[in-house]
Amino acid sequence: MSGTTRRTGTALGAGGLARVLPGAGPTGPGRENPVAGDVPEAGEAGRPGETASARGAADEPSRYAPEWLRLREPADAAARATELLGPLRSGLADLPAPPGRLVVHDLGCGTGSMGRWLAPRLAGAQHWVLHDRDPSLLHVAAVAAPADAADGSPVTVETRRGDVTRLPPDALAGASLVTASALLDVLTGEEADALAAACVRARCPALLTLTVAGRVDLTPADPLDAEIAEAFNAHQRRSGLLGPDAVARTGEAFAARGVAVRVHPSPWRLGPDRRELTAQWLRGWVAAAVAQRPGLRARADRHLAERLAACRAGELEVVVHHSDLLALPRSADGGV
């Protein structure tokens, strides 16, 4: 299913992908990890850790909550590594592009936060191809796409419904750029290799953002934080998923194919101004840790209650570490 749309109007909020998690509240924390990783729903079927917006049968119900994506979008936007924009612009300028416009493929687009962030930061006419398996998220992403590039040039949108881990060989043909948010950590090593290979075949850069780095810092600190973080990271690596190893493995996959790789931190910084998001993230973080190590439950439940109380009082700050990866084809002289 696909369509092409010209955008007008104001973009709605959202960010990457998000899985509905067990927890208090109507939504519960989400995939993205809660940007700290992909956490399964209670009673969910299928392979643990599957990114429902990115992979799966097209007729399966969505496991992602647009409300969570809207909640996290401002934190995502603040975290994205703007330091990579200069090299990206230079790389795009050095590459041949389709006549008159950039063609950007956004994999696992969710509600389209990457396009809303990046399109207004790139000059020139752009055509965004939004890939996702959830038709409702694709609809939101298309309707909320930005209308204009940085220089006022038009931005158009096309949607493609399907599993981004099973793209046909020619899916990225003609691409000027491939993007994704919070996707790499829920891929297997083989899938990361396939993604790198597809970008290399297309001879285009890739900007792959907000991948978990396996570290969180909570202030004030508590001795149980490290134990929960360790269990969470183990949960992220279950069933062969890359989890916190994703950036290193994906970077190696690109480098092995002669592509220059740059990695820059993109941490979420959650404080009193983002209490709702912090509370949702906390619930998902602890839920994933307990799912991995059920023996933690009693202590983790008490810990969560204390952390949520501190969050409500504006006394908790959290840094959730992520990394953004930019892969740029090398020029003929071996430079970037």
C-alpha atoms as a PDB file:
ATOM      1  CA  MET A   1       0.000   0.000   0.000  1.00  0.00           C
ATOM      2  CA  SER A   2       1.484   3.357  -0.935  1.00  0.00           C
ATOM      3  CA  GLY A   3       0.577   6.917  -1.715  1.00  0.00           C
ATOM      4  CA  THR A   4       2.175  10.284  -2.415  1.00  0.00           C
ATOM      5  CA  THR A   5       1.115  13.408  -0.571  1.00  0.00           C
ATOM      6  CA  ARG A   6       1.993  17.098  -0.536  1.00  0.00           C
ATOM      7  CA  ARG A   7       2.095  18.421   3.016  1.00  0.00           C
ATOM      8  CA  THR A   8       0.554  21.504   4.517  1.00  0.00           C
ATOM      9  CA  GLY A   9      -0.236  22.411   8.076  1.00  0.00           C
ATOM     10  CA  THR A  10       1.440  21.797  11.423  1.00  0.00           C
ATOM     11  CA  ALA A  11       3.282  18.584  12.259  1.00  0.00           C
ATOM     12  CA  LEU A  12       1.911  16.413  15.001  1.00  0.00           C
ATOM     13  CA  GLY A  13       4.187  15.022  17.708  1.00  0.00           C
ATOM     14  CA  ALA A  14       5.801  11.573  17.721  1.00  0.00           C
ATOM     15  CA  GLY A  15       9.150   9.954  17.780  1.00  0.00           C
ATOM     16  CA  GLY A  16      10.567   6.807  16.260  1.00  0.00           C
ATOM     17  CA  LEU A  17       8.679   3.697  17.267  1.00  0.00           C
ATOM     18  CA  ALA A  18       7.075   2.796  20.571  1.00  0.00           C
ATOM     19  CA  ARG A  19       5.804  -0.426  22.061  1.00  0.00           C
ATOM     20  CA  VAL A  20       2.983  -0.438  24.589  1.00  0.00           C
ATOM     21  CA  LEU A  21       4.366  -1.958  27.768  1.00  0.00           C
ATOM     22  CA  PRO A  22       2.837  -3.421  30.888  1.00  0.00           C
ATOM     23  CA  GLY A  23       2.570  -0.758  33.528  1.00  0.00           C
ATOM     24  CA  ALA A  24       0.337   1.795  35.168  1.00  0.00           C
ATOM     25  CA  GLY A  25      -1.601   4.201  33.031  1.00  0.00           C
ATOM     26  CA  PRO A  26      -3.514   3.788  29.793  1.00  0.00           C
ATOM     27  CA  THR A  27      -0.415   3.593  27.660  1.00  0.00           C
ATOM     28  CA  GLY A  28       2.461   2.276  29.736  1.00  0.00           C
ATOM     29  CA  PRO A  29       6.022   2.878  28.644  1.00  0.00           C
ATOM     30  CA  GLY A  30       7.021   1.964  25.136  1.00  0.00           C
ATOM     31  CA  ARG A  31       9.413   0.605  22.363  1.00  0.00           C
ATOM     32  CA  GLU A  32      11.426   2.190  21.800  1.00  0.00           C
ATOM     33  CA  ASN A  33      12.634   0.922  24.197  1.00  0.00           C
ATOM     34  CA  PRO A  34      11.397   3.455  26.130  1.00  0.00           C
ATOM     35  CA  VAL A  35      14.334   4.582  24.275  1.00  0.00           C
ATOM     36  CA  ALA A  36      16.143   2.436  26.421  1.00  0.00           C
ATOM     37  CA  GLY A  37      15.003  -0.556  24.577  1.00  0.00           C
ATOM     38  CA  ASP A  38      12.208  -2.634  23.231  1.00  0.00           C
ATOM     39  CA  VAL A  39       9.996  -4.167  25.894  1.00  0.00           C
ATOM     40  CA  PRO A  40       7.202  -6.658  25.138  1.00  0.00           C
ATOM     41  CA  GLU A  41       3.600  -6.303  26.018  1.00  0.00           C
ATOM     42  CA  ALA A  42       2.083  -8.649  28.536  1.00  0.00           C
ATOM     43  CA  GLY A  43       0.814 -11.682  26.707  1.00  0.00           C
ATOM     44  CA  GLU A  44       2.406 -10.675  23.452  1.00  0.00           C
ATOM     45  CA  ALA A  45       2.868 -13.424  20.873  1.00  0.00           C
ATOM     46  CA  GLY A  46       5.734 -13.828  18.458  1.00  0.00           C
ATOM     47  CA  ARG A  47       9.464 -13.501  18.790  1.00  0.00           C
ATOM     48  CA  PRO A  48      10.440 -11.499  21.875  1.00  0.00           C
ATOM     49  CA  GLY A  49      11.718  -8.068  20.997  1.00  0.00           C
ATOM     50  CA  GLU A  50      10.162  -7.783  17.572  1.00  0.00           C
ATOM     51  CA  THR A  51       9.700  -4.213  16.505  1.00  0.00           C
ATOM     52  CA  ALA A  52       6.039  -4.281  15.655  1.00  0.00           C
ATOM     53  CA  SER A  53       6.150  -1.074  13.632  1.00  0.00           C
ATOM     54  CA  ALA A  54       9.077  -2.368  11.641  1.00  0.00           C
ATOM     55  CA  ARG A  55       8.502  -6.072  11.217  1.00  0.00           C
ATOM     56  CA  GLY A  56       5.688  -8.596  11.263  1.00  0.00           C
ATOM     57  CA  ALA A  57       2.692  -9.593   9.237  1.00  0.00           C
ATOM     58  CA  ALA A  58       0.993  -6.618   7.656  1.00  0.00           C
ATOM     59  CA  ASP A  59      -2.400  -7.601   9.043  1.00  0.00           C
ATOM     60  CA  GLU A  60      -1.252  -7.931  12.658  1.00  0.00           C
ATOM     61  CA  PRO A  61      -2.649  -5.324  15.080  1.00  0.00           C
ATOM     62  CA  SER A  62      -0.269  -2.544  16.038  1.00  0.00           C
ATOM     63  CA  ARG A  63       1.592  -2.842  19.325  1.00  0.00           C
ATOM     64  CA  TYR A  64       2.668   0.787  19.283  1.00  0.00           C
ATOM     65  CA  ALA A  65       1.041   3.754  20.952  1.00  0.00           C
ATOM     66  CA  PRO A  66       1.015   7.080  19.110  1.00  0.00           C
ATOM     67  CA  GLU A  67       0.499   8.743  22.504  1.00  0.00           C
ATOM     68  CA  TRP A  68       3.878   7.440  23.694  1.00  0.00           C
ATOM     69  CA  LEU A  69       5.520   8.546  20.473  1.00  0.00           C
ATOM     70  CA  ARG A  70       4.114  12.052  20.857  1.00  0.00           C
ATOM     71  CA  LEU A  71       5.264  12.147  24.469  1.00  0.00           C
ATOM     72  CA  ARG A  72       8.835  11.257  23.588  1.00  0.00           C
ATOM     73  CA  GLU A  73       9.254  13.354  20.449  1.00  0.00           C
ATOM     74  CA  PRO A  74      10.553  16.512  22.194  1.00  0.00           C
ATOM     75  CA  ALA A  75      13.154  14.462  24.080  1.00  0.00           C
ATOM     76  CA  ASP A  76      14.145  12.740  20.843  1.00  0.00           C
ATOM     77  CA  ALA A  77      14.508  16.065  19.046  1.00  0.00           C
ATOM     78  CA  ALA A  78      16.637  17.512  21.836  1.00  0.00           C
ATOM     79  CA  ALA A  79      18.842  14.398  21.889  1.00  0.00           C
ATOM     80  CA  ARG A  80      19.565  13.974  18.175  1.00  0.00           C
ATOM     81  CA  ALA A  81      23.196  14.689  17.340  1.00  0.00           C
ATOM     82  CA  THR A  82      23.186  17.946  15.397  1.00  0.00           C
ATOM     83  CA  GLU A  83      26.968  17.527  15.119  1.00  0.00           C
ATOM     84  CA  LEU A  84      26.350  15.001  12.350  1.00  0.00           C
ATOM     85  CA  LEU A  85      24.337  17.397  10.200  1.00  0.00           C
ATOM     86  CA  GLY A  86      27.378  19.157   8.744  1.00  0.00           C
ATOM     87  CA  PRO A  87      29.049  15.942   7.572  1.00  0.00           C
ATOM     88  CA  LEU A  88      25.694  14.688   6.291  1.00  0.00           C
ATOM     89  CA  ARG A  89      25.089  17.825   4.229  1.00  0.00           C
ATOM     90  CA  SER A  90      28.605  17.598   2.792  1.00  0.00           C
ATOM     91  CA  GLY A  91      28.133  13.928   1.982  1.00  0.00           C
ATOM     92  CA  LEU A  92      24.832  14.571   0.242  1.00  0.00           C
ATOM     93  CA  ALA A  93      26.393  17.381  -1.797  1.00  0.00           C
ATOM     94  CA  ASP A  94      29.146  15.041  -3.007  1.00  0.00           C
ATOM     95  CA  LEU A  95      26.799  12.309  -4.206  1.00  0.00           C
ATOM     96  CA  PRO A  96      24.733  12.119  -7.385  1.00  0.00           C
ATOM     97  CA  ALA A  97      21.044  12.627  -6.645  1.00  0.00           C
ATOM     98  CA  PRO A  98      17.807  12.162  -8.597  1.00  0.00           C
ATOM     99  CA  PRO A  99      17.099  15.254 -10.691  1.00  0.00           C
ATOM    100  CA  GLY A 100      15.795  18.118  -8.611  1.00  0.00           C
ATOM    101  CA  ARG A 101      15.293  16.457  -5.242  1.00  0.00           C
ATOM    102  CA  LEU A 102      16.630  14.302  -2.441  1.00  0.00           C
ATOM    103  CA  VAL A 103      14.917  10.954  -1.962  1.00  0.00           C
ATOM    104  CA  VAL A 104      14.939   9.924   1.706  1.00  0.00           C
ATOM    105  CA  HIS A 105      13.841   6.468   2.872  1.00  0.00           C
ATOM    106  CA  ASP A 106      12.804   6.471   6.552  1.00  0.00           C
ATOM    107  CA  LEU A 107      12.726   2.882   7.855  1.00  0.00           C
ATOM    108  CA  GLY A 108      10.289   2.053  10.649  1.00  0.00           C
ATOM    109  CA  CYS A 109       9.089   5.640  10.507  1.00  0.00           C
ATOM    110  CA  GLY A 110       6.459   5.366  13.245  1.00  0.00           C
ATOM    111  CA  THR A 111       4.591   8.644  13.295  1.00  0.00           C
ATOM    112  CA  GLY A 112       7.304  10.411  11.322  1.00  0.00           C
ATOM    113  CA  SER A 113       9.365  12.291  13.904  1.00  0.00           C
ATOM    114  CA  MET A 114      12.593  11.871  11.935  1.00  0.00           C
ATOM    115  CA  GLY A 115      11.108  13.626   8.928  1.00  0.00           C
ATOM    116  CA  ARG A 116       9.708  16.428  11.055  1.00  0.00           C
ATOM    117  CA  TRP A 117      13.150  16.951  12.587  1.00  0.00           C
ATOM    118  CA  LEU A 118      15.409  16.435   9.571  1.00  0.00           C
ATOM    119  CA  ALA A 119      13.514  17.716   6.525  1.00  0.00           C
ATOM    120  CA  PRO A 120      13.512  21.371   7.736  1.00  0.00           C
ATOM    121  CA  ARG A 121      17.276  21.055   8.357  1.00  0.00           C
ATOM    122  CA  LEU A 122      18.160  20.024   4.794  1.00  0.00           C
ATOM    123  CA  ALA A 123      17.966  22.373   1.824  1.00  0.00           C
ATOM    124  CA  GLY A 124      16.418  21.500  -1.501  1.00  0.00           C
ATOM    125  CA  ALA A 125      13.332  19.669  -2.642  1.00  0.00           C
ATOM    126  CA  GLN A 126      12.821  16.357  -0.870  1.00  0.00           C
ATOM    127  CA  HIS A 127      10.727  13.251  -1.369  1.00  0.00           C
ATOM    128  CA  TRP A 128      10.372  11.097   1.748  1.00  0.00           C
ATOM    129  CA  VAL A 129       9.499   7.405   1.425  1.00  0.00           C
ATOM    130  CA  LEU A 130       8.054   6.327   4.782  1.00  0.00           C
ATOM    131  CA  HIS A 131       8.329   2.596   5.592  1.00  0.00           C
ATOM    132  CA  ASP A 132       6.292   0.996   8.363  1.00  0.00           C
ATOM    133  CA  ARG A 133       4.049  -2.018   8.815  1.00  0.00           C
ATOM    134  CA  ASP A 134       1.382  -0.116  10.779  1.00  0.00           C
ATOM    135  CA  PRO A 135      -1.070   1.707   8.477  1.00  0.00           C
ATOM    136  CA  SER A 136      -2.346   3.978  11.249  1.00  0.00           C
ATOM    137  CA  LEU A 137       1.164   5.191  12.036  1.00  0.00           C
ATOM    138  CA  LEU A 138       1.872   5.671   8.334  1.00  0.00           C
ATOM    139  CA  HIS A 139      -1.259   7.800   8.071  1.00  0.00           C
ATOM    140  CA  VAL A 140      -0.178  10.018  10.966  1.00  0.00           C
ATOM    141  CA  ALA A 141       3.342  10.295   9.555  1.00  0.00           C
ATOM    142  CA  ALA A 142       2.050  11.356   6.134  1.00  0.00           C
ATOM    143  CA  VAL A 143      -0.483  13.844   7.443  1.00  0.00           C
ATOM    144  CA  ALA A 144       2.007  15.388   9.878  1.00  0.00           C
ATOM    145  CA  ALA A 145       4.982  15.586   7.517  1.00  0.00           C
ATOM    146  CA  PRO A 146       6.611  18.993   7.080  1.00  0.00           C
ATOM    147  CA  ALA A 147       5.735  20.929   3.952  1.00  0.00           C
ATOM    148  CA  ASP A 148       9.000  22.766   3.432  1.00  0.00           C
ATOM    149  CA  ALA A 149      12.736  22.136   3.431  1.00  0.00           C
ATOM    150  CA  ALA A 150      15.237  24.496   5.042  1.00  0.00           C
ATOM    151  CA  ASP A 151      15.204  26.805   2.010  1.00  0.00           C
ATOM    152  CA  GLY A 152      11.462  26.649   1.436  1.00  0.00           C
ATOM    153  CA  SER A 153      11.656  23.950  -1.228  1.00  0.00           C
ATOM    154  CA  PRO A 154       8.737  21.495  -1.227  1.00  0.00           C
ATOM    155  CA  VAL A 155       8.712  18.244   0.735  1.00  0.00           C
ATOM    156  CA  THR A 156       6.530  15.397  -0.554  1.00  0.00           C
ATOM    157  CA  VAL A 157       5.756  12.070   1.059  1.00  0.00           C
ATOM    158  CA  GLU A 158       5.115   8.506  -0.067  1.00  0.00           C
ATOM    159  CA  THR A 159       4.133   5.667   2.286  1.00  0.00           C
ATOM    160  CA  ARG A 160       5.122   2.012   1.953  1.00  0.00           C
ATOM    161  CA  ARG A 161       3.634  -0.582   4.250  1.00  0.00           C
ATOM    162  CA  GLY A 162       5.767  -3.605   5.087  1.00  0.00           C
ATOM    163  CA  ASP A 163       8.464  -5.236   7.186  1.00  0.00           C
ATOM    164  CA  VAL A 164      11.697  -3.228   7.011  1.00  0.00           C
ATOM    165  CA  THR A 165      13.747  -6.303   7.915  1.00  0.00           C
ATOM    166  CA  ARG A 166      12.537  -7.979   4.714  1.00  0.00           C
ATOM    167  CA  LEU A 167      12.915  -5.233   2.147  1.00  0.00           C
ATOM    168  CA  PRO A 168      13.148  -6.430  -1.465  1.00  0.00           C
ATOM    169  CA  PRO A 169      16.575  -5.956  -3.075  1.00  0.00           C
ATOM    170  CA  ASP A 170      15.505  -2.876  -5.036  1.00  0.00           C
ATOM    171  CA  ALA A 171      13.581  -1.182  -2.193  1.00  0.00           C
ATOM    172  CA  LEU A 172      16.216   1.524  -1.727  1.00  0.00           C
ATOM    173  CA  ALA A 173      17.012   2.020  -5.416  1.00  0.00           C
ATOM    174  CA  GLY A 174      17.416   5.715  -6.159  1.00  0.00           C
ATOM    175  CA  ALA A 175      17.719   6.685  -2.496  1.00  0.00           C
ATOM    176  CA  SER A 176      19.751   9.769  -1.619  1.00  0.00           C
ATOM    177  CA  LEU A 177      19.639   8.996   2.114  1.00  0.00           C
ATOM    178  CA  VAL A 178      18.381   6.261   4.453  1.00  0.00           C
ATOM    179  CA  THR A 179      17.226   7.166   7.952  1.00  0.00           C
ATOM    180  CA  ALA A 180      15.865   5.356  10.998  1.00  0.00           C
ATOM    181  CA  SER A 181      15.239   6.117  14.663  1.00  0.00           C
ATOM    182  CA  ALA A 182      15.559   3.648  17.547  1.00  0.00           C
ATOM    183  CA  LEU A 183      15.665   0.734  15.146  1.00  0.00           C
ATOM    184  CA  LEU A 184      19.148  -0.779  15.291  1.00  0.00           C
ATOM    185  CA  ASP A 185      18.880  -2.122  18.840  1.00  0.00           C
ATOM    186  CA  VAL A 186      15.960  -4.376  17.925  1.00  0.00           C
ATOM    187  CA  LEU A 187      17.728  -5.897  14.932  1.00  0.00           C
ATOM    188  CA  THR A 188      19.773  -9.072  14.910  1.00  0.00           C
ATOM    189  CA  GLY A 189      23.343  -9.020  13.675  1.00  0.00           C
ATOM    190  CA  GLU A 190      22.244 -10.507  10.374  1.00  0.00           C
ATOM    191  CA  GLU A 191      19.591  -7.843   9.952  1.00  0.00           C
ATOM    192  CA  ALA A 192      22.089  -5.065  10.700  1.00  0.00           C
ATOM    193  CA  ASP A 193      24.432  -6.554   8.093  1.00  0.00           C
ATOM    194  CA  ALA A 194      21.583  -6.657   5.576  1.00  0.00           C
ATOM    195  CA  LEU A 195      20.705  -3.015   6.290  1.00  0.00           C
ATOM    196  CA  ALA A 196      24.310  -1.930   5.744  1.00  0.00           C
ATOM    197  CA  ALA A 197      24.505  -3.958   2.547  1.00  0.00           C
ATOM    198  CA  ALA A 198      21.284  -2.399   1.228  1.00  0.00           C
ATOM    199  CA  CYS A 199      22.574   1.127   1.879  1.00  0.00           C
ATOM    200  CA  VAL A 200      25.877   0.310   0.181  1.00  0.00           C
ATOM    201  CA  ARG A 201      24.025  -1.091  -2.845  1.00  0.00           C
ATOM    202  CA  ALA A 202      22.081   2.174  -3.015  1.00  0.00           C
ATOM    203  CA  ARG A 203      25.356   4.127  -2.688  1.00  0.00           C
ATOM    204  CA  CYS A 204      23.770   6.541  -0.253  1.00  0.00           C
ATOM    205  CA  PRO A 205      24.466   7.815   3.278  1.00  0.00           C
ATOM    206  CA  ALA A 206      22.575   6.454   6.290  1.00  0.00           C
ATOM    207  CA  LEU A 207      21.635   8.409   9.409  1.00  0.00           C
ATOM    208  CA  LEU A 208      20.585   5.920  12.102  1.00  0.00           C
ATOM    209  CA  THR A 209      19.679   7.631  15.347  1.00  0.00           C
ATOM    210  CA  LEU A 210      18.720   7.089  18.981  1.00  0.00           C
ATOM    211  CA  THR A 211      20.161   3.613  19.449  1.00  0.00           C
ATOM    212  CA  VAL A 212      20.523   2.502  23.055  1.00  0.00           C
ATOM    213  CA  ALA A 213      24.048   2.611  24.443  1.00  0.00           C
ATOM    214  CA  GLY A 214      23.462   0.402  27.493  1.00  0.00           C
ATOM    215  CA  ARG A 215      23.967   3.123  30.115  1.00  0.00           C
ATOM    216  CA  VAL A 216      21.590   5.136  32.244  1.00  0.00           C
ATOM    217  CA  ASP A 217      22.444   7.640  34.990  1.00  0.00           C
ATOM    218  CA  LEU A 218      19.925   8.477  37.692  1.00  0.00           C
ATOM    219  CA  THR A 219      20.376  11.345  40.143  1.00  0.00           C
ATOM    220  CA  PRO A 220      20.227  10.808  43.065  1.00  0.00           C
ATOM    221  CA  ALA A 221      21.865   7.415  42.556  1.00  0.00           C
ATOM    222  CA  ASP A 222      20.769   4.186  44.227  1.00  0.00           C
ATOM    223  CA  PRO A 223      22.699   0.901  44.514  1.00  0.00           C
ATOM    224  CA  LEU A 224      19.873  -0.995  42.799  1.00  0.00           C
ATOM    225  CA  ASP A 225      20.160   1.127  39.647  1.00  0.00           C
ATOM    226  CA  ALA A 226      23.143  -0.845  38.373  1.00  0.00           C
ATOM    227  CA  GLU A 227      21.442  -4.206  38.929  1.00  0.00           C
ATOM    228  CA  ILE A 228      18.313  -3.103  37.099  1.00  0.00           C
ATOM    229  CA  ALA A 229      20.403  -1.660  34.258  1.00  0.00           C
ATOM    230  CA  GLU A 230      22.305  -4.936  33.907  1.00  0.00           C
ATOM    231  CA  ALA A 231      19.073  -6.927  33.744  1.00  0.00           C
ATOM    232  CA  PHE A 232      17.618  -4.449  31.278  1.00  0.00           C
ATOM    233  CA  ASN A 233      20.634  -4.769  28.990  1.00  0.00           C
ATOM    234  CA  ALA A 234      20.356  -8.561  29.133  1.00  0.00           C
ATOM    235  CA  HIS A 235      16.699  -8.205  28.139  1.00  0.00           C
ATOM    236  CA  GLN A 236      17.732  -6.073  25.167  1.00  0.00           C
ATOM    237  CA  ARG A 237      20.075  -8.803  23.940  1.00  0.00           C
ATOM    238  CA  ARG A 238      17.588 -11.665  24.222  1.00  0.00           C
ATOM    239  CA  SER A 239      16.859 -13.905  21.247  1.00  0.00           C
ATOM    240  CA  GLY A 240      19.869 -12.653  19.323  1.00  0.00           C
ATOM    241  CA  LEU A 241      18.903  -8.974  19.288  1.00  0.00           C
ATOM    242  CA  LEU A 242      21.770  -6.503  19.301  1.00  0.00           C
ATOM    243  CA  GLY A 243      20.507  -4.202  22.043  1.00  0.00           C
ATOM    244  CA  PRO A 244      23.374  -2.056  23.377  1.00  0.00           C
ATOM    245  CA  ASP A 245      25.788  -3.704  20.926  1.00  0.00           C
ATOM    246  CA  ALA A 246      23.884  -2.399  17.911  1.00  0.00           C
ATOM    247  CA  VAL A 247      25.910   0.688  17.057  1.00  0.00           C
ATOM    248  CA  ALA A 248      29.237  -1.134  17.242  1.00  0.00           C
ATOM    249  CA  ARG A 249      27.972  -4.057  15.166  1.00  0.00           C
ATOM    250  CA  THR A 250      26.283  -1.864  12.565  1.00  0.00           C
ATOM    251  CA  GLY A 251      29.311   0.392  12.340  1.00  0.00           C
ATOM    252  CA  GLU A 252      31.497  -2.655  11.707  1.00  0.00           C
ATOM    253  CA  ALA A 253      29.101  -3.817   8.991  1.00  0.00           C
ATOM    254  CA  PHE A 254      29.393  -0.491   7.168  1.00  0.00           C
ATOM    255  CA  ALA A 255      33.154  -0.205   7.674  1.00  0.00           C
ATOM    256  CA  ALA A 256      33.688  -3.709   6.278  1.00  0.00           C
ATOM    257  CA  ARG A 257      32.046  -2.462   3.081  1.00  0.00           C
ATOM    258  CA  GLY A 258      34.339   0.543   2.769  1.00  0.00           C
ATOM    259  CA  VAL A 259      31.945   3.091   4.255  1.00  0.00           C
ATOM    260  CA  ALA A 260      33.118   5.832   6.630  1.00  0.00           C
ATOM    261  CA  VAL A 261      31.294   5.784   9.964  1.00  0.00           C
ATOM    262  CA  ARG A 262      30.822   8.563  12.491  1.00  0.00           C
ATOM    263  CA  VAL A 263      29.152   7.998  15.873  1.00  0.00           C
ATOM    264  CA  HIS A 264      28.033  10.726  18.247  1.00  0.00           C
ATOM    265  CA  PRO A 265      26.236  10.601  21.617  1.00  0.00           C
ATOM    266  CA  SER A 266      22.538  11.468  21.627  1.00  0.00           C
ATOM    267  CA  PRO A 267      21.403  11.171  25.258  1.00  0.00           C
ATOM    268  CA  TRP A 268      17.923  11.728  26.574  1.00  0.00           C
ATOM    269  CA  ARG A 269      18.108  14.201  29.470  1.00  0.00           C
ATOM    270  CA  LEU A 270      15.005  13.829  31.620  1.00  0.00           C
ATOM    271  CA  GLY A 271      14.348  16.183  34.502  1.00  0.00           C
ATOM    272  CA  PRO A 272      11.477  17.957  36.239  1.00  0.00           C
ATOM    273  CA  ASP A 273      10.385  19.479  32.931  1.00  0.00           C
ATOM    274  CA  ARG A 274       9.693  16.006  31.519  1.00  0.00           C
ATOM    275  CA  ARG A 275       8.104  14.221  34.473  1.00  0.00           C
ATOM    276  CA  GLU A 276       5.457  12.355  32.492  1.00  0.00           C
ATOM    277  CA  LEU A 277       7.993  10.956  30.056  1.00  0.00           C
ATOM    278  CA  THR A 278      10.388  10.100  32.891  1.00  0.00           C
ATOM    279  CA  ALA A 279       7.670   8.170  34.732  1.00  0.00           C
ATOM    280  CA  GLN A 280       6.739   6.221  31.622  1.00  0.00           C
ATOM    281  CA  TRP A 281      10.369   5.423  30.907  1.00  0.00           C
ATOM    282  CA  LEU A 282      10.931   4.275  34.497  1.00  0.00           C
ATOM    283  CA  ARG A 283       8.020   1.843  34.335  1.00  0.00           C
ATOM    284  CA  GLY A 284       9.283   0.331  31.110  1.00  0.00           C
ATOM    285  CA  TRP A 285      12.884   0.139  32.288  1.00  0.00           C
ATOM    286  CA  VAL A 286      11.963  -1.707  35.458  1.00  0.00           C
ATOM    287  CA  ALA A 287       9.398  -3.922  33.697  1.00  0.00           C
ATOM    288  CA  ALA A 288      12.009  -5.118  31.216  1.00  0.00           C
ATOM    289  CA  ALA A 289      14.514  -5.832  33.977  1.00  0.00           C
ATOM    290  CA  VAL A 290      11.964  -7.866  35.925  1.00  0.00           C
ATOM    291  CA  ALA A 291      10.878  -9.731  32.795  1.00  0.00           C
ATOM    292  CA  GLN A 292      14.502 -10.767  32.347  1.00  0.00           C
ATOM    293  CA  ARG A 293      15.146 -11.558  36.026  1.00  0.00           C
ATOM    294  CA  PRO A 294      11.898 -12.269  37.907  1.00  0.00           C
ATOM    295  CA  GLY A 295      13.790 -12.559  41.192  1.00  0.00           C
ATOM    296  CA  LEU A 296      14.204  -8.784  41.122  1.00  0.00           C
ATOM    297  CA  ARG A 297      10.479  -8.140  41.370  1.00  0.00           C
ATOM    298  CA  ALA A 298       9.995  -7.360  45.065  1.00  0.00           C
ATOM    299  CA  ARG A 299      12.995  -5.044  45.296  1.00  0.00           C
ATOM    300  CA  ALA A 300      12.329  -3.528  41.892  1.00  0.00           C
ATOM    301  CA  ASP A 301       8.706  -2.745  42.757  1.00  0.00           C
ATOM    302  CA  ARG A 302       9.798  -0.856  45.866  1.00  0.00           C
ATOM    303  CA  HIS A 303      12.522   0.879  43.912  1.00  0.00           C
ATOM    304  CA  LEU A 304      10.079   1.937  41.202  1.00  0.00           C
ATOM    305  CA  ALA A 305       7.612   3.340  43.743  1.00  0.00           C
ATOM    306  CA  GLU A 306      10.389   5.417  45.319  1.00  0.00           C
ATOM    307  CA  ARG A 307      11.650   6.633  41.970  1.00  0.00           C
ATOM    308  CA  LEU A 308       8.154   7.589  40.788  1.00  0.00           C
ATOM    309  CA  ALA A 309       7.588   9.551  44.003  1.00  0.00           C
ATOM    310  CA  ALA A 310      10.856  11.417  43.451  1.00  0.00           C
ATOM    311  CA  CYS A 311       9.837  12.062  39.843  1.00  0.00           C
ATOM    312  CA  ARG A 312       6.484  13.535  40.884  1.00  0.00           C
ATOM    313  CA  ALA A 313       8.289  15.776  43.384  1.00  0.00           C
ATOM    314  CA  GLY A 314      10.679  17.026  40.716  1.00  0.00           C
ATOM    315  CA  GLU A 315      13.639  15.496  42.545  1.00  0.00           C
ATOM    316  CA  LEU A 316      14.791  12.979  39.928  1.00  0.00           C
ATOM    317  CA  GLU A 317      17.014  13.453  36.883  1.00  0.00           C
ATOM    318  CA  VAL A 318      17.755  10.707  34.361  1.00  0.00           C
ATOM    319  CA  VAL A 319      20.184  10.489  31.474  1.00  0.00           C
ATOM    320  CA  VAL A 320      19.409   7.663  29.046  1.00  0.00           C
ATOM    321  CA  HIS A 321      22.423   7.271  26.785  1.00  0.00           C
ATOM    322  CA  HIS A 322      21.995   6.706  23.050  1.00  0.00           C
ATOM    323  CA  SER A 323      24.176   7.016  19.985  1.00  0.00           C
ATOM    324  CA  ASP A 324      23.563   8.368  16.494  1.00  0.00           C
ATOM    325  CA  LEU A 325      25.433   6.763  13.602  1.00  0.00           C
ATOM    326  CA  LEU A 326      26.185   8.403  10.269  1.00  0.00           C
ATOM    327  CA  ALA A 327      27.501   6.183   7.464  1.00  0.00           C
ATOM    328  CA  LEU A 328      28.967   8.052   4.474  1.00  0.00           C
ATOM    329  CA  PRO A 329      30.253   6.459   1.271  1.00  0.00           C
ATOM    330  CA  ARG A 330      33.907   7.361   0.773  1.00  0.00           C
ATOM    331  CA  SER A 331      34.926   9.623  -2.090  1.00  0.00           C
ATOM    332  CA  ALA A 332      37.263   8.381  -4.768  1.00  0.00           C
ATOM    333  CA  ASP A 333      40.345   9.772  -2.978  1.00  0.00           C
ATOM    334  CA  GLY A 334      39.516   7.824   0.186  1.00  0.00           C
ATOM    335  CA  GLY A 335      38.134  10.779   2.097  1.00  0.00           C
ATOM    336  CA  VAL A 336      34.658  11.244   3.483  1.00  0.00           C
END
